[in-house]
Amino acid sequence: MNLDLVLRAIDARTARRFVEAARHVVDALLIEAERVRQTQTPAPLDYSGSAGLNRAAPVGGWIATDELRAATQRMSEALAAEKWREGFTAAVAALVMIGGGA
């Protein structure tokens, strides 16, 4: 995807709404991550070696909450300064991190 081409095709109102929506997604993930962290219990021990969920990190690792907070900060700053290009780019980068895309 060519971000310059996309940015030329959308107006400020559309970019703002996209950034706001992406920020809500990231905020929801941060809230859910905190809720899971507070309620997570240790994994059950599997003495047979064949049962249980795979708890290994995915390729590329887990998304750190600090990365999500930084993305939220960049999007908030872009919204406050009405810098749609930077906000759109930060929102796309955050959604790519979440989706694991490249």
N, C-alpha and C. Protein backbone atom coordinates (compact mmCIF):
# COMPACT_ATOMS: atom_id res chain seq x y z
N MET A 1 0.85 -1.17 0.00
CA MET A 1 0.00 0.00 0.00
C MET A 1 0.90 1.24 0.00
N ASN A 2 0.60 2.17 -0.86
CA ASN A 2 1.33 3.43 -0.93
C ASN A 2 0.59 4.46 -0.08
N LEU A 3 1.17 4.82 1.06
CA LEU A 3 0.50 5.74 1.98
C LEU A 3 0.31 7.12 1.36
N ASP A 4 1.27 7.58 0.55
CA ASP A 4 1.11 8.88 -0.09
C ASP A 4 -0.11 8.91 -0.98
N LEU A 5 -0.33 7.84 -1.72
CA LEU A 5 -1.50 7.75 -2.60
C LEU A 5 -2.80 7.76 -1.78
N VAL A 6 -2.81 7.03 -0.69
CA VAL A 6 -3.99 6.99 0.18
C VAL A 6 -4.23 8.36 0.81
N LEU A 7 -3.16 8.99 1.29
CA LEU A 7 -3.31 10.30 1.93
C LEU A 7 -3.83 11.37 0.97
N ARG A 8 -3.46 11.28 -0.30
CA ARG A 8 -3.97 12.24 -1.28
C ARG A 8 -5.44 11.99 -1.60
N ALA A 9 -5.89 10.76 -1.38
CA ALA A 9 -7.26 10.39 -1.74
C ALA A 9 -8.28 10.67 -0.64
N ILE A 10 -7.83 10.93 0.58
CA ILE A 10 -8.78 11.17 1.66
C ILE A 10 -8.70 12.62 2.13
N ASP A 11 -9.81 13.08 2.66
CA ASP A 11 -9.83 14.45 3.17
C ASP A 11 -9.54 14.46 4.67
N ALA A 12 -9.41 15.65 5.24
CA ALA A 12 -9.06 15.79 6.66
C ALA A 12 -10.10 15.15 7.57
N ARG A 13 -11.36 15.30 7.24
CA ARG A 13 -12.43 14.74 8.08
C ARG A 13 -12.34 13.22 8.13
N THR A 14 -12.11 12.61 6.97
CA THR A 14 -11.99 11.15 6.91
C THR A 14 -10.76 10.68 7.67
N ALA A 15 -9.64 11.38 7.49
CA ALA A 15 -8.41 11.01 8.19
C ALA A 15 -8.61 11.11 9.70
N ARG A 16 -9.26 12.19 10.14
CA ARG A 16 -9.50 12.37 11.58
C ARG A 16 -10.35 11.23 12.13
N ARG A 17 -11.39 10.87 11.45
CA ARG A 17 -12.24 9.77 11.92
C ARG A 17 -11.49 8.45 11.95
N PHE A 18 -10.66 8.22 10.95
CA PHE A 18 -9.87 6.99 10.92
C PHE A 18 -8.92 6.94 12.11
N VAL A 19 -8.23 8.06 12.37
CA VAL A 19 -7.29 8.11 13.50
C VAL A 19 -8.03 7.92 14.82
N GLU A 20 -9.18 8.57 14.96
CA GLU A 20 -9.97 8.40 16.19
C GLU A 20 -10.41 6.96 16.37
N ALA A 21 -10.85 6.31 15.31
CA ALA A 21 -11.28 4.92 15.40
C ALA A 21 -10.11 4.00 15.75
N ALA A 22 -8.97 4.23 15.12
CA ALA A 22 -7.78 3.42 15.42
C ALA A 22 -7.36 3.61 16.87
N ARG A 23 -7.47 4.84 17.35
CA ARG A 23 -7.12 5.11 18.75
C ARG A 23 -8.05 4.38 19.70
N HIS A 24 -9.33 4.31 19.38
CA HIS A 24 -10.28 3.57 20.21
C HIS A 24 -9.93 2.08 20.23
N VAL A 25 -9.51 1.54 19.10
CA VAL A 25 -9.11 0.13 19.04
C VAL A 25 -7.91 -0.11 19.94
N VAL A 26 -6.90 0.76 19.84
CA VAL A 26 -5.70 0.60 20.67
C VAL A 26 -6.05 0.77 22.15
N ASP A 27 -6.88 1.75 22.48
CA ASP A 27 -7.30 1.93 23.87
C ASP A 27 -8.01 0.68 24.40
N ALA A 28 -8.87 0.10 23.59
CA ALA A 28 -9.58 -1.12 24.01
C ALA A 28 -8.60 -2.26 24.24
N LEU A 29 -7.59 -2.37 23.39
CA LEU A 29 -6.58 -3.41 23.59
C LEU A 29 -5.80 -3.19 24.88
N LEU A 30 -5.47 -1.95 25.17
CA LEU A 30 -4.75 -1.66 26.42
C LEU A 30 -5.60 -2.01 27.64
N ILE A 31 -6.88 -1.68 27.59
CA ILE A 31 -7.78 -2.00 28.69
C ILE A 31 -7.89 -3.51 28.85
N GLU A 32 -8.04 -4.22 27.74
CA GLU A 32 -8.15 -5.68 27.80
C GLU A 32 -6.85 -6.31 28.30
N ALA A 33 -5.71 -5.79 27.85
CA ALA A 33 -4.43 -6.34 28.31
C ALA A 33 -4.27 -6.18 29.81
N GLU A 34 -4.69 -5.04 30.33
CA GLU A 34 -4.61 -4.81 31.78
C GLU A 34 -5.55 -5.74 32.52
N ARG A 35 -6.76 -5.93 31.99
CA ARG A 35 -7.72 -6.83 32.63
C ARG A 35 -7.19 -8.26 32.65
N VAL A 36 -6.62 -8.69 31.55
CA VAL A 36 -6.06 -10.05 31.49
C VAL A 36 -4.88 -10.18 32.45
N ARG A 37 -4.02 -9.17 32.48
CA ARG A 37 -2.87 -9.21 33.37
C ARG A 37 -3.30 -9.36 34.82
N GLN A 38 -4.38 -8.68 35.20
CA GLN A 38 -4.85 -8.71 36.57
C GLN A 38 -5.50 -10.05 36.93
N THR A 39 -6.05 -10.73 35.96
CA THR A 39 -6.77 -11.97 36.26
C THR A 39 -6.04 -13.23 35.81
N GLN A 40 -4.89 -13.06 35.17
CA GLN A 40 -4.19 -14.23 34.63
C GLN A 40 -3.63 -15.09 35.75
N THR A 41 -3.84 -16.36 35.60
CA THR A 41 -3.29 -17.33 36.54
C THR A 41 -2.19 -18.11 35.84
N PRO A 42 -1.33 -18.74 36.60
CA PRO A 42 -0.27 -19.53 35.96
C PRO A 42 -0.88 -20.65 35.10
N ALA A 43 -0.17 -20.99 34.05
CA ALA A 43 -0.63 -22.07 33.19
C ALA A 43 -0.61 -23.39 33.95
N PRO A 44 -1.59 -24.24 33.67
CA PRO A 44 -1.59 -25.55 34.34
C PRO A 44 -0.39 -26.37 33.88
N LEU A 45 0.13 -27.18 34.78
CA LEU A 45 1.23 -28.06 34.42
C LEU A 45 0.69 -29.26 33.66
N ASP A 46 1.33 -29.56 32.57
CA ASP A 46 0.93 -30.70 31.75
C ASP A 46 2.02 -31.76 31.87
N TYR A 47 1.72 -32.77 32.65
CA TYR A 47 2.72 -33.80 32.89
C TYR A 47 2.80 -34.79 31.74
N SER A 48 1.79 -34.83 30.89
CA SER A 48 1.83 -35.77 29.78
C SER A 48 2.57 -35.18 28.59
N GLY A 49 2.70 -33.85 28.54
CA GLY A 49 3.43 -33.22 27.45
C GLY A 49 2.63 -33.01 26.19
N SER A 50 1.33 -33.39 26.21
CA SER A 50 0.57 -33.27 24.97
C SER A 50 -0.67 -32.38 25.09
N ALA A 51 -1.09 -32.06 26.28
CA ALA A 51 -2.32 -31.28 26.46
C ALA A 51 -1.99 -29.83 26.76
N GLY A 52 -2.98 -28.98 26.63
CA GLY A 52 -2.82 -27.58 26.97
C GLY A 52 -2.60 -26.71 25.75
N LEU A 53 -2.80 -25.41 25.96
CA LEU A 53 -2.62 -24.46 24.88
C LEU A 53 -1.16 -24.10 24.70
N ASN A 54 -0.80 -23.79 23.50
CA ASN A 54 0.55 -23.35 23.21
C ASN A 54 0.68 -21.90 23.68
N ARG A 55 1.58 -21.65 24.60
CA ARG A 55 1.76 -20.31 25.14
C ARG A 55 3.02 -19.65 24.60
N ALA A 56 3.57 -20.20 23.54
CA ALA A 56 4.76 -19.61 22.93
C ALA A 56 4.38 -18.31 22.22
N ALA A 57 5.30 -17.39 22.20
CA ALA A 57 5.07 -16.10 21.54
C ALA A 57 4.96 -16.31 20.03
N PRO A 58 4.14 -15.52 19.37
CA PRO A 58 4.05 -15.62 17.91
C PRO A 58 5.32 -15.11 17.26
N VAL A 59 5.48 -15.39 15.99
CA VAL A 59 6.63 -14.89 15.25
C VAL A 59 6.65 -13.37 15.35
N GLY A 60 7.76 -12.80 15.69
CA GLY A 60 7.84 -11.35 15.87
C GLY A 60 7.58 -10.91 17.30
N GLY A 61 7.11 -11.83 18.14
CA GLY A 61 6.87 -11.51 19.55
C GLY A 61 5.52 -10.88 19.80
N TRP A 62 5.23 -10.68 21.07
CA TRP A 62 3.99 -10.05 21.49
C TRP A 62 4.11 -8.54 21.36
N ILE A 63 2.99 -7.86 21.24
CA ILE A 63 2.99 -6.40 21.21
C ILE A 63 3.05 -5.92 22.66
N ALA A 64 4.03 -5.11 22.95
CA ALA A 64 4.19 -4.58 24.31
C ALA A 64 3.17 -3.47 24.53
N THR A 65 2.68 -3.38 25.75
CA THR A 65 1.72 -2.30 26.06
C THR A 65 2.38 -0.94 25.88
N ASP A 66 3.70 -0.86 26.09
CA ASP A 66 4.39 0.41 25.88
C ASP A 66 4.32 0.83 24.41
N GLU A 67 4.41 -0.15 23.50
CA GLU A 67 4.28 0.16 22.07
C GLU A 67 2.88 0.70 21.76
N LEU A 68 1.87 0.08 22.35
CA LEU A 68 0.50 0.53 22.12
C LEU A 68 0.28 1.91 22.73
N ARG A 69 0.82 2.14 23.92
CA ARG A 69 0.68 3.47 24.54
C ARG A 69 1.37 4.54 23.70
N ALA A 70 2.54 4.21 23.15
CA ALA A 70 3.27 5.17 22.31
C ALA A 70 2.46 5.48 21.05
N ALA A 71 1.82 4.46 20.48
CA ALA A 71 0.98 4.68 19.29
C ALA A 71 -0.20 5.58 19.64
N THR A 72 -0.82 5.34 20.78
CA THR A 72 -1.94 6.17 21.23
C THR A 72 -1.47 7.62 21.43
N GLN A 73 -0.31 7.79 22.01
CA GLN A 73 0.24 9.13 22.23
C GLN A 73 0.46 9.85 20.90
N ARG A 74 1.06 9.15 19.93
CA ARG A 74 1.31 9.77 18.62
C ARG A 74 0.00 10.16 17.94
N MET A 75 -1.02 9.30 18.05
CA MET A 75 -2.31 9.61 17.43
C MET A 75 -2.98 10.78 18.14
N SER A 76 -2.90 10.82 19.48
CA SER A 76 -3.50 11.93 20.24
C SER A 76 -2.84 13.25 19.89
N GLU A 77 -1.52 13.23 19.80
CA GLU A 77 -0.79 14.46 19.46
C GLU A 77 -1.15 14.93 18.05
N ALA A 78 -1.27 13.98 17.13
CA ALA A 78 -1.63 14.35 15.75
C ALA A 78 -3.04 14.93 15.69
N LEU A 79 -3.96 14.36 16.46
CA LEU A 79 -5.33 14.88 16.49
C LEU A 79 -5.35 16.30 17.08
N ALA A 80 -4.61 16.49 18.17
CA ALA A 80 -4.60 17.80 18.83
C ALA A 80 -3.99 18.87 17.93
N ALA A 81 -2.96 18.50 17.16
CA ALA A 81 -2.28 19.46 16.30
C ALA A 81 -2.88 19.50 14.89
N GLU A 82 -3.89 18.66 14.66
CA GLU A 82 -4.53 18.55 13.35
C GLU A 82 -3.51 18.23 12.25
N LYS A 83 -2.61 17.32 12.59
CA LYS A 83 -1.62 16.84 11.62
C LYS A 83 -2.10 15.50 11.10
N TRP A 84 -2.93 15.55 10.08
CA TRP A 84 -3.62 14.35 9.61
C TRP A 84 -2.67 13.34 9.00
N ARG A 85 -1.67 13.80 8.30
CA ARG A 85 -0.71 12.87 7.67
C ARG A 85 0.00 12.04 8.74
N GLU A 86 0.51 12.71 9.79
CA GLU A 86 1.20 12.00 10.86
C GLU A 86 0.25 11.09 11.63
N GLY A 87 -0.96 11.59 11.88
CA GLY A 87 -1.95 10.78 12.59
C GLY A 87 -2.35 9.55 11.82
N PHE A 88 -2.58 9.73 10.52
CA PHE A 88 -2.95 8.59 9.67
C PHE A 88 -1.83 7.57 9.64
N THR A 89 -0.60 8.03 9.48
CA THR A 89 0.56 7.12 9.44
C THR A 89 0.71 6.38 10.77
N ALA A 90 0.53 7.08 11.89
CA ALA A 90 0.62 6.43 13.21
C ALA A 90 -0.49 5.41 13.39
N ALA A 91 -1.69 5.74 12.91
CA ALA A 91 -2.82 4.81 13.04
C ALA A 91 -2.58 3.55 12.21
N VAL A 92 -2.11 3.73 10.98
CA VAL A 92 -1.83 2.57 10.12
C VAL A 92 -0.73 1.72 10.75
N ALA A 93 0.33 2.37 11.27
CA ALA A 93 1.42 1.61 11.90
C ALA A 93 0.91 0.81 13.10
N ALA A 94 0.03 1.41 13.90
CA ALA A 94 -0.52 0.70 15.06
C ALA A 94 -1.36 -0.50 14.62
N LEU A 95 -2.19 -0.30 13.60
CA LEU A 95 -3.03 -1.40 13.14
C LEU A 95 -2.20 -2.51 12.51
N VAL A 96 -1.11 -2.17 11.86
CA VAL A 96 -0.22 -3.19 11.30
C VAL A 96 0.43 -3.98 12.43
N MET A 97 0.85 -3.28 13.50
CA MET A 97 1.43 -3.98 14.67
C MET A 97 0.43 -4.96 15.25
N ILE A 98 -0.80 -4.51 15.39
CA ILE A 98 -1.84 -5.35 15.98
C ILE A 98 -2.14 -6.55 15.09
N GLY A 99 -2.22 -6.30 13.80
CA GLY A 99 -2.56 -7.37 12.86
C GLY A 99 -1.40 -8.24 12.47
N GLY A 100 -0.20 -7.82 12.81
CA GLY A 100 0.99 -8.62 12.47
C GLY A 100 1.36 -8.53 11.01
N GLY A 101 0.77 -7.59 10.29
CA GLY A 101 1.08 -7.45 8.86
C GLY A 101 2.38 -6.72 8.64
N ALA A 102 2.76 -6.64 7.40
CA ALA A 102 4.02 -5.94 7.07
C ALA A 102 3.78 -4.83 6.10
